[in-house]
Amino acid sequence: MAFKFEQLKFWQRGIDLNISINELVKSWPREELYSLTNQIKRAADSVILNIAEGSTGQSNKEFLRFLSYSLRSAVEVEACLHIAKSRHYVNEETFSIMYVEIEEIIKMIQGLKRSIKTKV
């Protein structure tokens, strides 16, 4: 693996989550295509893209900033899942599995942020 972000466990899990989100939204109603479907896909993309962008040899302070963006996007994915569940696009089992996954990614991002802050 050539880049630092590729070795980060939560980035790898973010890729898996991204794939799951893209599969999940295929069954959503067509009228959601340019609203909730687009929103959750962009947020899931943003989680992993911000990690990658922030890890490219910049300062720890800059990396923290991008990790914060990634964290916010992860919370956005979580909120979109809640909306999808309330609209009955996601069943309880799928929601629970994805909720746990995004929560674990959020905890990993928060842990790295805490670790970096002690070095700044």
N, C-alpha and C. Protein backbone atom coordinates (compact mmCIF):
# COMPACT_ATOMS: atom_id res chain seq x y z
N MET A 1 0.84 -1.18 0.00
CA MET A 1 0.00 0.00 0.00
C MET A 1 0.88 1.24 0.00
N ALA A 2 0.62 2.10 -0.93
CA ALA A 2 1.49 3.23 -1.17
C ALA A 2 1.19 4.45 -0.30
N PHE A 3 -0.05 4.59 0.16
CA PHE A 3 -0.42 5.79 0.89
C PHE A 3 -0.77 5.46 2.34
N LYS A 4 -0.49 6.41 3.23
CA LYS A 4 -0.72 6.23 4.66
C LYS A 4 -2.18 5.88 4.96
N PHE A 5 -3.12 6.53 4.30
CA PHE A 5 -4.53 6.31 4.59
C PHE A 5 -4.97 4.88 4.29
N GLU A 6 -4.32 4.22 3.34
CA GLU A 6 -4.70 2.86 2.98
C GLU A 6 -4.43 1.87 4.11
N GLN A 7 -3.57 2.25 5.03
CA GLN A 7 -3.24 1.38 6.16
C GLN A 7 -4.14 1.62 7.37
N LEU A 8 -4.94 2.67 7.32
CA LEU A 8 -5.83 2.99 8.44
C LEU A 8 -7.04 2.05 8.41
N LYS A 9 -7.23 1.34 9.51
CA LYS A 9 -8.31 0.36 9.60
C LYS A 9 -9.68 0.99 9.34
N PHE A 10 -9.91 2.19 9.89
CA PHE A 10 -11.23 2.79 9.71
C PHE A 10 -11.43 3.29 8.29
N TRP A 11 -10.35 3.56 7.56
CA TRP A 11 -10.51 3.92 6.14
C TRP A 11 -10.95 2.67 5.36
N GLN A 12 -10.32 1.54 5.66
CA GLN A 12 -10.69 0.28 5.01
C GLN A 12 -12.14 -0.09 5.31
N ARG A 13 -12.54 0.10 6.57
CA ARG A 13 -13.92 -0.18 6.94
C ARG A 13 -14.88 0.83 6.30
N GLY A 14 -14.41 2.04 6.10
CA GLY A 14 -15.20 3.04 5.40
C GLY A 14 -15.46 2.64 3.96
N ILE A 15 -14.49 2.03 3.33
CA ILE A 15 -14.66 1.52 1.96
C ILE A 15 -15.76 0.45 1.96
N ASP A 16 -15.70 -0.46 2.92
CA ASP A 16 -16.72 -1.51 3.02
C ASP A 16 -18.11 -0.91 3.26
N LEU A 17 -18.17 0.07 4.13
CA LEU A 17 -19.45 0.73 4.40
C LEU A 17 -19.96 1.42 3.13
N ASN A 18 -19.06 2.06 2.40
CA ASN A 18 -19.42 2.74 1.17
C ASN A 18 -20.05 1.75 0.18
N ILE A 19 -19.46 0.59 0.06
CA ILE A 19 -20.00 -0.45 -0.83
C ILE A 19 -21.39 -0.88 -0.36
N SER A 20 -21.54 -1.07 0.95
CA SER A 20 -22.84 -1.46 1.51
C SER A 20 -23.90 -0.40 1.26
N ILE A 21 -23.54 0.86 1.45
CA ILE A 21 -24.49 1.96 1.21
C ILE A 21 -24.92 1.97 -0.26
N ASN A 22 -23.97 1.82 -1.16
CA ASN A 22 -24.30 1.83 -2.58
C ASN A 22 -25.22 0.68 -2.97
N GLU A 23 -25.05 -0.47 -2.34
CA GLU A 23 -25.94 -1.61 -2.58
C GLU A 23 -27.32 -1.35 -1.98
N LEU A 24 -27.33 -0.80 -0.78
CA LEU A 24 -28.58 -0.55 -0.07
C LEU A 24 -29.50 0.39 -0.85
N VAL A 25 -28.96 1.47 -1.36
CA VAL A 25 -29.81 2.49 -2.00
C VAL A 25 -30.39 2.05 -3.34
N LYS A 26 -29.88 0.97 -3.90
CA LYS A 26 -30.42 0.48 -5.17
C LYS A 26 -31.89 0.08 -5.04
N SER A 27 -32.31 -0.27 -3.83
CA SER A 27 -33.70 -0.70 -3.63
C SER A 27 -34.62 0.45 -3.20
N TRP A 28 -34.07 1.65 -3.02
CA TRP A 28 -34.88 2.78 -2.56
C TRP A 28 -35.73 3.32 -3.71
N PRO A 29 -36.82 3.98 -3.38
CA PRO A 29 -37.69 4.52 -4.43
C PRO A 29 -36.96 5.51 -5.35
N ARG A 30 -37.35 5.50 -6.57
CA ARG A 30 -36.73 6.36 -7.58
C ARG A 30 -36.87 7.85 -7.22
N GLU A 31 -37.96 8.23 -6.56
CA GLU A 31 -38.13 9.64 -6.22
C GLU A 31 -37.10 10.13 -5.20
N GLU A 32 -36.39 9.22 -4.57
CA GLU A 32 -35.33 9.59 -3.63
C GLU A 32 -33.97 9.76 -4.31
N LEU A 33 -33.90 9.46 -5.59
CA LEU A 33 -32.63 9.45 -6.30
C LEU A 33 -31.84 10.74 -6.12
N TYR A 34 -32.49 11.89 -6.22
CA TYR A 34 -31.79 13.16 -6.14
C TYR A 34 -31.90 13.81 -4.77
N SER A 35 -32.39 13.07 -3.80
CA SER A 35 -32.46 13.62 -2.45
C SER A 35 -31.74 12.69 -1.48
N LEU A 36 -32.46 11.85 -0.77
CA LEU A 36 -31.83 11.03 0.27
C LEU A 36 -30.77 10.07 -0.29
N THR A 37 -31.06 9.45 -1.41
CA THR A 37 -30.09 8.53 -2.02
C THR A 37 -28.79 9.26 -2.33
N ASN A 38 -28.88 10.38 -2.96
CA ASN A 38 -27.70 11.18 -3.31
C ASN A 38 -26.98 11.65 -2.05
N GLN A 39 -27.74 12.08 -1.05
CA GLN A 39 -27.16 12.61 0.18
C GLN A 39 -26.34 11.56 0.92
N ILE A 40 -26.91 10.37 1.10
CA ILE A 40 -26.19 9.33 1.86
C ILE A 40 -24.97 8.83 1.08
N LYS A 41 -25.09 8.74 -0.23
CA LYS A 41 -23.93 8.32 -1.03
C LYS A 41 -22.80 9.34 -0.96
N ARG A 42 -23.14 10.63 -1.05
CA ARG A 42 -22.11 11.66 -0.97
C ARG A 42 -21.47 11.69 0.41
N ALA A 43 -22.27 11.50 1.45
CA ALA A 43 -21.73 11.50 2.81
C ALA A 43 -20.80 10.29 3.01
N ALA A 44 -21.20 9.13 2.52
CA ALA A 44 -20.36 7.93 2.64
C ALA A 44 -19.06 8.11 1.87
N ASP A 45 -19.14 8.73 0.70
CA ASP A 45 -17.92 9.03 -0.06
C ASP A 45 -17.03 9.99 0.72
N SER A 46 -17.64 10.99 1.31
CA SER A 46 -16.90 12.03 2.03
C SER A 46 -16.14 11.47 3.23
N VAL A 47 -16.69 10.46 3.88
CA VAL A 47 -15.99 9.85 5.02
C VAL A 47 -14.60 9.40 4.59
N ILE A 48 -14.54 8.62 3.53
CA ILE A 48 -13.24 8.06 3.12
C ILE A 48 -12.38 9.06 2.34
N LEU A 49 -13.01 9.94 1.60
CA LEU A 49 -12.22 10.92 0.83
C LEU A 49 -11.51 11.92 1.75
N ASN A 50 -12.17 12.35 2.80
CA ASN A 50 -11.53 13.30 3.72
C ASN A 50 -10.38 12.66 4.50
N ILE A 51 -10.52 11.40 4.84
CA ILE A 51 -9.42 10.69 5.50
C ILE A 51 -8.22 10.65 4.56
N ALA A 52 -8.47 10.29 3.32
CA ALA A 52 -7.39 10.20 2.34
C ALA A 52 -6.73 11.56 2.12
N GLU A 53 -7.55 12.57 1.90
CA GLU A 53 -7.00 13.89 1.62
C GLU A 53 -6.20 14.44 2.81
N GLY A 54 -6.72 14.25 4.00
CA GLY A 54 -6.06 14.78 5.18
C GLY A 54 -4.77 14.09 5.55
N SER A 55 -4.59 12.88 5.08
CA SER A 55 -3.40 12.11 5.47
C SER A 55 -2.20 12.30 4.54
N THR A 56 -2.31 13.19 3.60
CA THR A 56 -1.28 13.31 2.56
C THR A 56 -0.12 14.20 2.97
N GLY A 57 0.55 13.82 4.02
CA GLY A 57 1.80 14.48 4.40
C GLY A 57 1.66 15.89 4.92
N GLN A 58 0.47 16.27 5.30
CA GLN A 58 0.28 17.60 5.84
C GLN A 58 0.57 17.57 7.34
N SER A 59 0.42 18.68 7.98
CA SER A 59 0.67 18.76 9.42
C SER A 59 -0.41 17.99 10.18
N ASN A 60 -0.10 17.66 11.44
CA ASN A 60 -1.08 16.99 12.28
C ASN A 60 -2.33 17.86 12.45
N LYS A 61 -2.12 19.17 12.56
CA LYS A 61 -3.25 20.08 12.71
C LYS A 61 -4.17 20.00 11.50
N GLU A 62 -3.59 19.94 10.33
CA GLU A 62 -4.37 19.84 9.09
C GLU A 62 -5.07 18.48 9.01
N PHE A 63 -4.39 17.42 9.40
CA PHE A 63 -4.98 16.09 9.40
C PHE A 63 -6.17 16.05 10.36
N LEU A 64 -6.05 16.68 11.51
CA LEU A 64 -7.16 16.76 12.47
C LEU A 64 -8.38 17.43 11.85
N ARG A 65 -8.14 18.47 11.08
CA ARG A 65 -9.23 19.19 10.43
C ARG A 65 -9.99 18.27 9.47
N PHE A 66 -9.25 17.50 8.68
CA PHE A 66 -9.89 16.59 7.74
C PHE A 66 -10.56 15.41 8.44
N LEU A 67 -9.98 14.96 9.55
CA LEU A 67 -10.63 13.91 10.33
C LEU A 67 -11.96 14.42 10.89
N SER A 68 -12.01 15.70 11.25
CA SER A 68 -13.26 16.29 11.73
C SER A 68 -14.30 16.30 10.62
N TYR A 69 -13.89 16.62 9.40
CA TYR A 69 -14.82 16.59 8.26
C TYR A 69 -15.34 15.16 8.06
N SER A 70 -14.42 14.21 8.14
CA SER A 70 -14.79 12.81 7.97
C SER A 70 -15.78 12.37 9.05
N LEU A 71 -15.51 12.78 10.26
CA LEU A 71 -16.39 12.45 11.38
C LEU A 71 -17.80 13.01 11.15
N ARG A 72 -17.88 14.26 10.73
CA ARG A 72 -19.18 14.88 10.45
C ARG A 72 -19.92 14.13 9.34
N SER A 73 -19.19 13.71 8.34
CA SER A 73 -19.82 12.96 7.24
C SER A 73 -20.32 11.61 7.72
N ALA A 74 -19.58 10.98 8.62
CA ALA A 74 -20.01 9.69 9.18
C ALA A 74 -21.31 9.87 9.97
N VAL A 75 -21.40 10.94 10.73
CA VAL A 75 -22.64 11.23 11.48
C VAL A 75 -23.78 11.51 10.50
N GLU A 76 -23.47 12.15 9.39
CA GLU A 76 -24.49 12.41 8.37
C GLU A 76 -25.01 11.10 7.78
N VAL A 77 -24.12 10.15 7.52
CA VAL A 77 -24.55 8.83 7.05
C VAL A 77 -25.50 8.21 8.06
N GLU A 78 -25.13 8.30 9.33
CA GLU A 78 -25.96 7.75 10.40
C GLU A 78 -27.35 8.41 10.40
N ALA A 79 -27.40 9.72 10.27
CA ALA A 79 -28.67 10.43 10.24
C ALA A 79 -29.51 10.03 9.03
N CYS A 80 -28.86 9.87 7.89
CA CYS A 80 -29.57 9.43 6.68
C CYS A 80 -30.16 8.03 6.87
N LEU A 81 -29.44 7.17 7.56
CA LEU A 81 -29.97 5.84 7.85
C LEU A 81 -31.23 5.92 8.71
N HIS A 82 -31.22 6.83 9.67
CA HIS A 82 -32.42 7.02 10.51
C HIS A 82 -33.60 7.48 9.65
N ILE A 83 -33.35 8.41 8.75
CA ILE A 83 -34.42 8.88 7.87
C ILE A 83 -34.94 7.74 7.00
N ALA A 84 -34.01 6.98 6.44
CA ALA A 84 -34.39 5.84 5.59
C ALA A 84 -35.21 4.82 6.37
N LYS A 85 -34.83 4.59 7.60
CA LYS A 85 -35.59 3.65 8.44
C LYS A 85 -36.99 4.20 8.71
N SER A 86 -37.09 5.48 9.00
CA SER A 86 -38.41 6.08 9.28
C SER A 86 -39.32 6.05 8.06
N ARG A 87 -38.71 6.04 6.87
CA ARG A 87 -39.49 5.97 5.63
C ARG A 87 -39.68 4.53 5.15
N HIS A 88 -39.22 3.60 5.95
CA HIS A 88 -39.36 2.15 5.68
C HIS A 88 -38.58 1.70 4.44
N TYR A 89 -37.45 2.36 4.18
CA TYR A 89 -36.56 1.94 3.09
C TYR A 89 -35.54 0.92 3.59
N VAL A 90 -35.36 0.89 4.91
CA VAL A 90 -34.38 0.01 5.54
C VAL A 90 -35.08 -0.76 6.65
N ASN A 91 -34.92 -2.07 6.66
CA ASN A 91 -35.53 -2.84 7.74
C ASN A 91 -34.66 -2.75 9.01
N GLU A 92 -35.21 -3.17 10.12
CA GLU A 92 -34.54 -3.04 11.41
C GLU A 92 -33.20 -3.78 11.45
N GLU A 93 -33.14 -4.96 10.88
CA GLU A 93 -31.90 -5.74 10.90
C GLU A 93 -30.78 -5.04 10.13
N THR A 94 -31.07 -4.60 8.92
CA THR A 94 -30.07 -3.91 8.10
C THR A 94 -29.65 -2.61 8.78
N PHE A 95 -30.63 -1.87 9.30
CA PHE A 95 -30.33 -0.63 10.01
C PHE A 95 -29.36 -0.90 11.15
N SER A 96 -29.64 -1.91 11.97
CA SER A 96 -28.80 -2.21 13.14
C SER A 96 -27.37 -2.57 12.74
N ILE A 97 -27.24 -3.38 11.70
CA ILE A 97 -25.90 -3.79 11.23
C ILE A 97 -25.11 -2.56 10.76
N MET A 98 -25.75 -1.73 9.96
CA MET A 98 -25.05 -0.56 9.41
C MET A 98 -24.80 0.48 10.51
N TYR A 99 -25.73 0.60 11.44
CA TYR A 99 -25.57 1.55 12.54
C TYR A 99 -24.35 1.18 13.38
N VAL A 100 -24.22 -0.09 13.70
CA VAL A 100 -23.06 -0.54 14.48
C VAL A 100 -21.78 -0.28 13.72
N GLU A 101 -21.77 -0.54 12.44
CA GLU A 101 -20.57 -0.33 11.63
C GLU A 101 -20.15 1.14 11.61
N ILE A 102 -21.11 2.02 11.37
CA ILE A 102 -20.77 3.44 11.31
C ILE A 102 -20.35 3.95 12.68
N GLU A 103 -20.97 3.44 13.73
CA GLU A 103 -20.57 3.83 15.09
C GLU A 103 -19.13 3.41 15.38
N GLU A 104 -18.75 2.24 14.94
CA GLU A 104 -17.37 1.78 15.15
C GLU A 104 -16.38 2.65 14.37
N ILE A 105 -16.73 3.01 13.17
CA ILE A 105 -15.87 3.90 12.37
C ILE A 105 -15.74 5.25 13.07
N ILE A 106 -16.85 5.77 13.57
CA ILE A 106 -16.83 7.04 14.30
C ILE A 106 -15.91 6.95 15.51
N LYS A 107 -16.00 5.88 16.26
CA LYS A 107 -15.14 5.71 17.44
C LYS A 107 -13.66 5.64 17.05
N MET A 108 -13.36 4.98 15.95
CA MET A 108 -11.98 4.89 15.49
C MET A 108 -11.44 6.26 15.08
N ILE A 109 -12.26 7.02 14.38
CA ILE A 109 -11.85 8.38 13.98
C ILE A 109 -11.61 9.23 15.22
N GLN A 110 -12.53 9.16 16.17
CA GLN A 110 -12.39 9.93 17.41
C GLN A 110 -11.12 9.52 18.17
N GLY A 111 -10.83 8.22 18.19
CA GLY A 111 -9.63 7.74 18.86
C GLY A 111 -8.36 8.28 18.23
N LEU A 112 -8.30 8.28 16.90
CA LEU A 112 -7.12 8.82 16.22
C LEU A 112 -7.01 10.33 16.47
N LYS A 113 -8.14 11.02 16.46
CA LYS A 113 -8.11 12.45 16.74
C LYS A 113 -7.54 12.72 18.13
N ARG A 114 -7.98 11.97 19.12
CA ARG A 114 -7.46 12.14 20.49
C ARG A 114 -5.96 11.87 20.54
N SER A 115 -5.53 10.83 19.85
CA SER A 115 -4.12 10.47 19.81
C SER A 115 -3.28 11.57 19.18
N ILE A 116 -3.75 12.12 18.09
CA ILE A 116 -3.01 13.19 17.40
C ILE A 116 -2.99 14.46 18.25
N LYS A 117 -4.10 14.76 18.90
CA LYS A 117 -4.17 15.99 19.72
C LYS A 117 -3.13 15.99 20.83
N THR A 118 -2.78 14.83 21.34
CA THR A 118 -1.77 14.77 22.40
C THR A 118 -0.37 15.07 21.85
N LYS A 119 -0.21 14.97 20.54
CA LYS A 119 1.07 15.21 19.90
C LYS A 119 1.19 16.64 19.35
N VAL A 120 0.06 17.34 19.26
CA VAL A 120 0.07 18.68 18.66
C VAL A 120 0.47 19.72 19.69
